[in-house]
């Protein structure tokens, strides 16, 4: 009698998928399932009976689990497929980044131009205000300037006089107390 181990059916999934984190294996298995499906569809289109189709699909399974070359071809197809997918995704990400970068650049240029325009407008306005103020300025009369000079002179004279009195009072008070 044959042992239980020899009678155990091998599954293509177990031959291709090495664990829950094996994307190549999962995709390889989907390629195997696709080829199995295509075989069944082609046999149906050729008018084969369901019994013949079941036998051929079973043979397809047995050939896959017995042929490391066939299993490797599914894995190679999966690797190429994943590479193409990641290349497409990377290209889409690059294109999106480029679009966003260009949009940000245009926005920055627009805002810079608006600020430059505002700066120019503010400079022109300030210049015009200064010119207007210069035109409105009236030179004080000679009497007014003399009066201002005299008042400024008196305030300096008054400050000097107060300083002399304070210092003189301090020293005078010192002399009297001696």
C-alpha atoms as a PDB file:
ATOM      1  CA  UNK A   1       0.000   0.000   0.000  1.00  0.00           C
ATOM      2  CA  UNK A   2       1.324   3.468  -0.917  1.00  0.00           C
ATOM      3  CA  UNK A   3       1.931   5.934   1.871  1.00  0.00           C
ATOM      4  CA  UNK A   4      -0.382   8.859   2.495  1.00  0.00           C
ATOM      5  CA  UNK A   5       2.470  11.255   1.654  1.00  0.00           C
ATOM      6  CA  UNK A   6       2.775   9.900  -1.911  1.00  0.00           C
ATOM      7  CA  UNK A   7      -0.980  10.228  -2.500  1.00  0.00           C
ATOM      8  CA  UNK A   8      -1.091  13.874  -1.389  1.00  0.00           C
ATOM      9  CA  UNK A   9      -2.150  16.118  -4.241  1.00  0.00           C
ATOM     10  CA  UNK A  10       0.226  18.979  -5.084  1.00  0.00           C
ATOM     11  CA  UNK A  11      -1.372  22.334  -5.712  1.00  0.00           C
ATOM     12  CA  UNK A  12      -0.078  24.877  -8.206  1.00  0.00           C
ATOM     13  CA  UNK A  13      -0.802  27.646  -5.700  1.00  0.00           C
ATOM     14  CA  UNK A  14       1.604  26.066  -3.194  1.00  0.00           C
ATOM     15  CA  UNK A  15       4.232  25.634  -5.919  1.00  0.00           C
ATOM     16  CA  UNK A  16       4.051  29.309  -6.971  1.00  0.00           C
ATOM     17  CA  UNK A  17       3.160  31.307  -3.853  1.00  0.00           C
ATOM     18  CA  UNK A  18       5.775  31.363  -1.106  1.00  0.00           C
ATOM     19  CA  UNK A  19       3.754  33.306   1.464  1.00  0.00           C
ATOM     20  CA  UNK A  20       1.235  36.043   2.100  1.00  0.00           C
ATOM     21  CA  UNK A  21       3.757  38.714   1.072  1.00  0.00           C
ATOM     22  CA  UNK A  22       4.707  37.217  -2.289  1.00  0.00           C
ATOM     23  CA  UNK A  23       3.217  39.424  -5.014  1.00  0.00           C
ATOM     24  CA  UNK A  24       5.185  37.658  -7.759  1.00  0.00           C
ATOM     25  CA  UNK A  25       3.780  34.315  -6.614  1.00  0.00           C
ATOM     26  CA  UNK A  26       0.199  35.606  -6.497  1.00  0.00           C
ATOM     27  CA  UNK A  27       0.478  37.096  -9.961  1.00  0.00           C
ATOM     28  CA  UNK A  28       2.210  33.947 -11.267  1.00  0.00           C
ATOM     29  CA  UNK A  29      -0.717  31.931  -9.934  1.00  0.00           C
ATOM     30  CA  UNK A  30      -3.146  34.253 -11.712  1.00  0.00           C
ATOM     31  CA  UNK A  31      -1.232  33.628 -14.962  1.00  0.00           C
ATOM     32  CA  UNK A  32      -1.584  29.882 -14.354  1.00  0.00           C
ATOM     33  CA  UNK A  33      -5.353  30.306 -13.764  1.00  0.00           C
ATOM     34  CA  UNK A  34      -5.617  32.416 -16.910  1.00  0.00           C
ATOM     35  CA  UNK A  35      -3.893  29.746 -19.007  1.00  0.00           C
ATOM     36  CA  UNK A  36      -6.208  27.095 -17.493  1.00  0.00           C
ATOM     37  CA  UNK A  37      -9.245  29.252 -18.312  1.00  0.00           C
ATOM     38  CA  UNK A  38      -8.037  29.897 -21.872  1.00  0.00           C
ATOM     39  CA  UNK A  39      -7.535  26.130 -22.377  1.00  0.00           C
ATOM     40  CA  UNK A  40     -11.098  25.412 -21.244  1.00  0.00           C
ATOM     41  CA  UNK A  41     -12.549  28.197 -23.413  1.00  0.00           C
ATOM     42  CA  UNK A  42     -10.618  27.027 -26.487  1.00  0.00           C
ATOM     43  CA  UNK A  43     -11.773  23.410 -25.955  1.00  0.00           C
ATOM     44  CA  UNK A  44     -15.396  24.546 -25.594  1.00  0.00           C
ATOM     45  CA  UNK A  45     -15.095  26.588 -28.789  1.00  0.00           C
ATOM     46  CA  UNK A  46     -13.713  23.476 -30.512  1.00  0.00           C
ATOM     47  CA  UNK A  47     -16.852  21.598 -29.422  1.00  0.00           C
ATOM     48  CA  UNK A  48     -15.251  19.267 -26.866  1.00  0.00           C
ATOM     49  CA  UNK A  49     -17.456  17.685 -24.215  1.00  0.00           C
ATOM     50  CA  UNK A  50     -17.295  18.764 -20.594  1.00  0.00           C
ATOM     51  CA  UNK A  51     -15.729  15.406 -19.684  1.00  0.00           C
ATOM     52  CA  UNK A  52     -12.894  15.979 -22.192  1.00  0.00           C
ATOM     53  CA  UNK A  53     -12.481  19.559 -20.985  1.00  0.00           C
ATOM     54  CA  UNK A  54     -12.264  18.372 -17.344  1.00  0.00           C
ATOM     55  CA  UNK A  55      -9.643  15.746 -18.276  1.00  0.00           C
ATOM     56  CA  UNK A  56      -7.543  18.271 -20.241  1.00  0.00           C
ATOM     57  CA  UNK A  57      -7.753  20.868 -17.466  1.00  0.00           C
ATOM     58  CA  UNK A  58      -6.665  18.186 -14.961  1.00  0.00           C
ATOM     59  CA  UNK A  59      -3.717  17.282 -17.256  1.00  0.00           C
ATOM     60  CA  UNK A  60      -2.858  20.985 -17.483  1.00  0.00           C
ATOM     61  CA  UNK A  61      -2.720  21.094 -13.683  1.00  0.00           C
ATOM     62  CA  UNK A  62      -0.582  17.957 -13.445  1.00  0.00           C
ATOM     63  CA  UNK A  63       1.832  19.243 -16.083  1.00  0.00           C
ATOM     64  CA  UNK A  64       2.187  22.537 -14.210  1.00  0.00           C
ATOM     65  CA  UNK A  65       2.997  20.958 -10.820  1.00  0.00           C
ATOM     66  CA  UNK A  66       5.464  18.491 -12.385  1.00  0.00           C
ATOM     67  CA  UNK A  67       7.327  20.996 -14.581  1.00  0.00           C
ATOM     68  CA  UNK A  68       9.589  23.464 -12.805  1.00  0.00           C
ATOM     69  CA  UNK A  69      10.159  25.097 -16.197  1.00  0.00           C
ATOM     70  CA  UNK A  70       6.426  25.802 -16.523  1.00  0.00           C
ATOM     71  CA  UNK A  71       6.258  27.159 -12.958  1.00  0.00           C
ATOM     72  CA  UNK A  72       9.328  29.331 -13.642  1.00  0.00           C
ATOM     73  CA  UNK A  73       7.719  30.692 -16.816  1.00  0.00           C
ATOM     74  CA  UNK A  74       4.679  31.823 -14.782  1.00  0.00           C
ATOM     75  CA  UNK A  75       6.991  33.503 -12.246  1.00  0.00           C
ATOM     76  CA  UNK A  76       8.992  35.161 -15.021  1.00  0.00           C
ATOM     77  CA  UNK A  77       5.783  36.458 -16.614  1.00  0.00           C
ATOM     78  CA  UNK A  78       4.675  37.766 -13.215  1.00  0.00           C
ATOM     79  CA  UNK A  79       8.026  39.507 -12.672  1.00  0.00           C
ATOM     80  CA  UNK A  80       7.843  41.187 -16.080  1.00  0.00           C
ATOM     81  CA  UNK A  81       4.227  42.178 -15.438  1.00  0.00           C
ATOM     82  CA  UNK A  82       5.065  43.723 -12.040  1.00  0.00           C
ATOM     83  CA  UNK A  83       8.028  45.547 -13.536  1.00  0.00           C
ATOM     84  CA  UNK A  84       5.843  47.030 -16.263  1.00  0.00           C
ATOM     85  CA  UNK A  85       3.187  48.034 -13.730  1.00  0.00           C
ATOM     86  CA  UNK A  86       5.708  49.722 -11.425  1.00  0.00           C
ATOM     87  CA  UNK A  87       7.289  51.486 -14.415  1.00  0.00           C
ATOM     88  CA  UNK A  88       3.864  52.798 -15.466  1.00  0.00           C
ATOM     89  CA  UNK A  89       3.070  53.922 -11.931  1.00  0.00           C
ATOM     90  CA  UNK A  90       6.464  55.631 -11.601  1.00  0.00           C
ATOM     91  CA  UNK A  91       5.891  57.408 -14.918  1.00  0.00           C
ATOM     92  CA  UNK A  92       2.431  58.560 -13.808  1.00  0.00           C
ATOM     93  CA  UNK A  93       3.854  59.823 -10.510  1.00  0.00           C
ATOM     94  CA  UNK A  94       6.643  61.674 -12.366  1.00  0.00           C
ATOM     95  CA  UNK A  95       4.118  63.223 -14.757  1.00  0.00           C
ATOM     96  CA  UNK A  96       1.832  64.258 -11.899  1.00  0.00           C
ATOM     97  CA  UNK A  97       4.777  65.750  -9.997  1.00  0.00           C
ATOM     98  CA  UNK A  98       5.872  67.583 -13.145  1.00  0.00           C
ATOM     99  CA  UNK A  99       2.326  68.963 -13.671  1.00  0.00           C
ATOM    100  CA  UNK A 100       2.113  70.103 -10.059  1.00  0.00           C
ATOM    101  CA  UNK A 101       5.594  71.610 -10.247  1.00  0.00           C
ATOM    102  CA  UNK A 102       4.733  73.527 -13.429  1.00  0.00           C
ATOM    103  CA  UNK A 103       1.477  74.711 -11.872  1.00  0.00           C
ATOM    104  CA  UNK A 104       3.313  75.879  -8.728  1.00  0.00           C
ATOM    105  CA  UNK A 105       5.928  77.594 -10.887  1.00  0.00           C
ATOM    106  CA  UNK A 106       3.235  79.436 -12.880  1.00  0.00           C
ATOM    107  CA  UNK A 107       1.482  80.444  -9.638  1.00  0.00           C
ATOM    108  CA  UNK A 108       4.780  81.701  -8.178  1.00  0.00           C
ATOM    109  CA  UNK A 109       5.504  83.693 -11.357  1.00  0.00           C
ATOM    110  CA  UNK A 110       1.976  85.153 -11.299  1.00  0.00           C
ATOM    111  CA  UNK A 111       2.292  86.189  -7.655  1.00  0.00           C
ATOM    112  CA  UNK A 112       5.791  87.600  -8.216  1.00  0.00           C
ATOM    113  CA  UNK A 113       4.547  89.667 -11.146  1.00  0.00           C
ATOM    114  CA  UNK A 114       1.600  90.922  -9.057  1.00  0.00           C
ATOM    115  CA  UNK A 115       3.968  91.896  -6.218  1.00  0.00           C
ATOM    116  CA  UNK A 116       6.314  93.672  -8.617  1.00  0.00           C
ATOM    117  CA  UNK A 117       3.356  95.566 -10.074  1.00  0.00           C
ATOM    118  CA  UNK A 118       2.171  96.496  -6.578  1.00  0.00           C
ATOM    119  CA  UNK A 119       5.713  97.572  -5.618  1.00  0.00           C
ATOM    120  CA  UNK A 120       5.968  99.758  -8.721  1.00  0.00           C
ATOM    121  CA  UNK A 121       2.533 101.255  -8.032  1.00  0.00           C
ATOM    122  CA  UNK A 122       3.480 101.987  -4.388  1.00  0.00           C
ATOM    123  CA  UNK A 123       6.784 103.576  -5.443  1.00  0.00           C
ATOM    124  CA  UNK A 124       5.018 105.769  -8.016  1.00  0.00           C
ATOM    125  CA  UNK A 125       2.393 106.778  -5.445  1.00  0.00           C
ATOM    126  CA  UNK A 126       5.045 107.630  -2.814  1.00  0.00           C
ATOM    127  CA  UNK A 127       7.023 109.650  -5.366  1.00  0.00           C
ATOM    128  CA  UNK A 128       3.904 111.563  -6.403  1.00  0.00           C
ATOM    129  CA  UNK A 129       3.024 112.300  -2.764  1.00  0.00           C
ATOM    130  CA  UNK A 130       6.552 113.568  -2.117  1.00  0.00           C
ATOM    131  CA  UNK A 131       6.408 115.792  -5.202  1.00  0.00           C
ATOM    132  CA  UNK A 132       2.995 117.127  -4.152  1.00  0.00           C
ATOM    133  CA  UNK A 133       4.277 117.845  -0.652  1.00  0.00           C
ATOM    134  CA  UNK A 134       7.314 119.622  -2.099  1.00  0.00           C
ATOM    135  CA  UNK A 135       5.056 121.788  -4.301  1.00  0.00           C
ATOM    136  CA  UNK A 136       2.825 122.674  -1.340  1.00  0.00           C
ATOM    137  CA  UNK A 137       5.758 123.582   0.904  1.00  0.00           C
ATOM    138  CA  UNK A 138       5.943 127.323   1.491  1.00  0.00           C
ATOM    139  CA  UNK A 139       9.220 128.775   2.571  1.00  0.00           C
ATOM    140  CA  UNK A 140       8.694 130.684   5.817  1.00  0.00           C
ATOM    141  CA  UNK A 141       9.151 134.421   5.649  1.00  0.00           C
ATOM    142  CA  UNK A 142      12.336 136.066   6.853  1.00  0.00           C
ATOM    143  CA  UNK A 143      10.536 137.414   9.933  1.00  0.00           C
ATOM    144  CA  UNK A 144       9.198 133.950  10.769  1.00  0.00           C
ATOM    145  CA  UNK A 145      12.633 132.373  10.353  1.00  0.00           C
ATOM    146  CA  UNK A 146      14.200 135.121  12.502  1.00  0.00           C
ATOM    147  CA  UNK A 147      11.553 134.595  15.180  1.00  0.00           C
ATOM    148  CA  UNK A 148      12.143 130.859  15.180  1.00  0.00           C
ATOM    149  CA  UNK A 149      15.902 131.402  15.384  1.00  0.00           C
ATOM    150  CA  UNK A 150      15.491 133.826  18.217  1.00  0.00           C
ATOM    151  CA  UNK A 151      13.169 131.501  20.176  1.00  0.00           C
ATOM    152  CA  UNK A 152      15.572 128.626  19.703  1.00  0.00           C
ATOM    153  CA  UNK A 153      18.390 130.875  20.860  1.00  0.00           C
ATOM    154  CA  UNK A 154      16.406 131.987  23.945  1.00  0.00           C
ATOM    155  CA  UNK A 155      15.703 128.400  24.931  1.00  0.00           C
ATOM    156  CA  UNK A 156      19.407 127.646  24.726  1.00  0.00           C
ATOM    157  CA  UNK A 157      20.192 130.809  26.675  1.00  0.00           C
ATOM    158  CA  UNK A 158      17.591 129.926  29.306  1.00  0.00           C
ATOM    159  CA  UNK A 159      19.004 126.406  29.668  1.00  0.00           C
ATOM    160  CA  UNK A 160      22.528 127.796  30.048  1.00  0.00           C
ATOM    161  CA  UNK A 161      21.346 130.328  32.638  1.00  0.00           C
ATOM    162  CA  UNK A 162      19.552 127.645  34.662  1.00  0.00           C
ATOM    163  CA  UNK A 163      22.652 125.470  34.565  1.00  0.00           C
ATOM    164  CA  UNK A 164      24.840 128.367  35.773  1.00  0.00           C
ATOM    165  CA  UNK A 165      22.412 129.125  38.609  1.00  0.00           C
ATOM    166  CA  UNK A 166      22.236 125.503  39.733  1.00  0.00           C
ATOM    167  CA  UNK A 167      26.003 124.977  39.600  1.00  0.00           C
ATOM    168  CA  UNK A 168      26.706 128.384  41.049  1.00  0.00           C
ATOM    169  CA  UNK A 169      24.174 127.784  43.808  1.00  0.00           C
ATOM    170  CA  UNK A 170      25.771 124.476  44.637  1.00  0.00           C
ATOM    171  CA  UNK A 171      29.295 125.905  44.795  1.00  0.00           C
ATOM    172  CA  UNK A 172      28.101 129.092  46.447  1.00  0.00           C
ATOM    173  CA  UNK A 173      26.334 127.057  49.090  1.00  0.00           C
ATOM    174  CA  UNK A 174      29.503 125.097  49.603  1.00  0.00           C
ATOM    175  CA  UNK A 175      31.573 128.248  50.109  1.00  0.00           C
ATOM    176  CA  UNK A 176      29.128 129.709  52.601  1.00  0.00           C
ATOM    177  CA  UNK A 177      29.066 126.602  54.691  1.00  0.00           C
ATOM    178  CA  UNK A 178      32.840 126.605  55.040  1.00  0.00           C
END
